[in-house]
Amino acid sequence: MSDNKTKPTNVSVDEFLATVSQERADEARKIIVIMARITGEPAVMWGPSIIGFGSVHYKYDSGREGDMPLLGFSPRKASLTIYFMEGFDQYEGELAQLGKVKTSKGCLYVTKLTNIDLGVLTNMIESSYKLYAKT
């Protein structure tokens, strides 16, 4: 079985943000503030492009297991990609209020933060954190 490539690195988040557009970096800093407040954890680079907070261990039925950020996102060129391990079934109401976004199985794609309701997004991130945080 291959090793998980998405692991915490020693690259600083600021160093990484210097490689993306100014607008995307500014949006990323807003998401960092939200996720850091929710988790109480510092932002850490996971792999080359994911900004993560905390860590959770997973194990699939297939036997594959590893660690991933408890909360995480990536400020990609086309959109901010915010990861929701649980998917979006329980967020139907929030998605209707959130604004202009796209989703896939576990990713929320936000073209611009100004296109969404940041309060609704914050509530979704808090709910996601509560599902996986160790109490």
Protein backbone atom coordinates (compact mmCIF):
# COMPACT_ATOMS: atom_id res chain seq x y z
CA MET A 1 0.00 0.00 0.00
CA SER A 2 1.40 3.43 -0.92
CA ASP A 3 2.23 6.10 1.61
CA ASN A 4 -0.12 9.04 2.06
CA LYS A 5 1.46 12.01 0.27
CA THR A 6 -0.54 14.60 2.19
CA LYS A 7 1.47 15.06 5.38
CA PRO A 8 2.40 18.07 7.49
CA THR A 9 5.47 19.88 6.16
CA ASN A 10 7.90 22.46 7.51
CA VAL A 11 6.98 24.99 4.81
CA SER A 12 5.53 28.13 6.38
CA VAL A 13 2.00 29.11 5.45
CA ASP A 14 3.18 32.67 4.72
CA GLU A 15 5.85 31.32 2.37
CA PHE A 16 3.20 29.31 0.53
CA LEU A 17 0.76 32.24 0.36
CA ALA A 18 3.48 34.31 -1.30
CA THR A 19 3.14 31.93 -4.28
CA VAL A 20 -0.57 32.62 -4.90
CA SER A 21 -2.28 35.78 -6.14
CA GLN A 22 -2.68 38.63 -3.66
CA GLU A 23 -6.46 38.33 -3.80
CA ARG A 24 -6.36 34.58 -3.12
CA ALA A 25 -3.82 35.08 -0.31
CA ASP A 26 -6.07 37.71 1.32
CA GLU A 27 -9.05 35.34 1.12
CA ALA A 28 -6.92 32.51 2.53
CA ARG A 29 -5.95 34.65 5.52
CA LYS A 30 -9.65 35.17 6.31
CA ILE A 31 -10.26 31.40 6.26
CA ILE A 32 -7.13 30.88 8.39
CA VAL A 33 -8.52 33.22 11.06
CA ILE A 34 -11.83 31.33 11.09
CA MET A 35 -10.29 27.85 11.25
CA ALA A 36 -7.66 28.83 13.83
CA ARG A 37 -10.35 30.32 16.07
CA ILE A 38 -12.51 27.20 15.80
CA THR A 39 -9.72 24.68 16.37
CA GLY A 40 -7.33 26.61 18.59
CA GLU A 41 -4.60 25.16 16.34
CA PRO A 42 -2.04 26.95 14.17
CA ALA A 43 -2.15 26.75 10.39
CA VAL A 44 0.22 24.08 9.01
CA MET A 45 1.03 23.20 5.43
CA TRP A 46 -0.03 19.65 4.51
CA GLY A 47 1.64 18.61 1.31
CA PRO A 48 2.43 21.34 -1.18
CA SER A 49 -0.90 23.21 -1.20
CA ILE A 50 -3.25 22.36 1.70
CA ILE A 51 -3.46 24.59 4.75
CA GLY A 52 -4.60 22.44 7.65
CA PHE A 53 -5.52 22.72 11.31
CA GLY A 54 -5.16 19.89 13.78
CA SER A 55 -5.04 16.26 12.75
CA VAL A 56 -7.40 13.30 12.62
CA HIS A 57 -6.56 9.66 11.97
CA TYR A 58 -8.69 7.76 9.46
CA LYS A 59 -8.97 4.12 8.50
CA TYR A 60 -10.95 2.88 5.51
CA ASP A 61 -12.61 -0.54 5.27
CA SER A 62 -9.93 -1.37 2.70
CA GLY A 63 -7.31 -1.12 5.44
CA ARG A 64 -5.78 2.10 4.11
CA GLU A 65 -5.21 4.55 6.92
CA GLY A 66 -3.43 7.77 7.65
CA ASP A 67 -3.73 11.24 9.06
CA MET A 68 -5.29 14.33 7.59
CA PRO A 69 -6.05 17.84 8.81
CA LEU A 70 -9.10 18.13 11.03
CA LEU A 71 -10.00 21.25 9.05
CA GLY A 72 -8.33 22.27 5.84
CA PHE A 73 -8.50 24.19 2.61
CA SER A 74 -6.43 25.06 -0.41
CA PRO A 75 -6.31 28.50 -2.06
CA ARG A 76 -6.22 27.24 -5.65
CA LYS A 77 -6.15 29.53 -8.66
CA ALA A 78 -9.72 28.80 -9.79
CA SER A 79 -11.28 28.66 -6.33
CA LEU A 80 -10.79 28.25 -2.62
CA THR A 81 -11.28 24.55 -1.99
CA ILE A 82 -12.55 23.84 1.53
CA TYR A 83 -12.57 20.22 2.67
CA PHE A 84 -15.51 18.61 4.46
CA MET A 85 -14.67 14.97 5.33
CA GLU A 86 -18.32 14.21 6.01
CA GLY A 87 -19.62 15.45 2.66
CA PHE A 88 -22.62 17.75 2.35
CA ASP A 89 -25.77 15.72 3.03
CA GLN A 90 -26.39 17.45 6.37
CA TYR A 91 -25.69 20.93 4.95
CA GLU A 92 -28.58 21.20 2.49
CA GLY A 93 -30.09 24.21 4.27
CA GLU A 94 -26.75 25.95 4.69
CA LEU A 95 -25.80 25.39 1.05
CA ALA A 96 -29.08 27.03 0.00
CA GLN A 97 -28.11 30.12 2.03
CA LEU A 98 -24.37 30.11 1.41
CA GLY A 99 -24.26 31.71 -2.01
CA LYS A 100 -22.44 30.91 -5.22
CA VAL A 101 -20.50 27.66 -4.63
CA LYS A 102 -19.97 24.25 -6.16
CA THR A 103 -19.48 20.97 -4.34
CA SER A 104 -18.07 17.53 -4.98
CA LYS A 105 -18.07 14.60 -2.59
CA GLY A 106 -16.03 16.35 0.11
CA CYS A 107 -14.97 19.67 -1.41
CA LEU A 108 -16.63 23.06 -1.34
CA TYR A 109 -15.44 25.30 -4.17
CA VAL A 110 -15.68 29.06 -3.58
CA THR A 111 -14.69 31.26 -6.50
CA LYS A 112 -14.67 34.44 -4.39
CA LEU A 113 -15.39 34.96 -0.71
CA THR A 114 -17.43 38.04 -1.62
CA ASN A 115 -19.90 35.67 -3.37
CA ILE A 116 -20.82 33.84 -0.17
CA ASP A 117 -22.18 34.44 3.31
CA LEU A 118 -19.12 34.09 5.55
CA GLY A 119 -21.31 33.55 8.62
CA VAL A 120 -22.98 30.52 7.02
CA LEU A 121 -19.57 29.15 5.97
CA THR A 122 -18.25 29.64 9.51
CA ASN A 123 -21.21 27.70 10.93
CA MET A 124 -20.56 24.87 8.46
CA ILE A 125 -16.88 24.75 9.41
CA GLU A 126 -17.77 24.72 13.13
CA SER A 127 -20.22 21.84 12.56
CA SER A 128 -17.60 19.89 10.64
CA TYR A 129 -15.05 20.43 13.40
CA LYS A 130 -17.46 19.22 16.08
CA LEU A 131 -18.00 15.96 14.17
CA TYR A 132 -14.33 15.02 14.33
CA ALA A 133 -12.77 16.90 17.24
CA LYS A 134 -11.71 14.85 20.22
CA THR A 135 -13.64 15.92 23.25
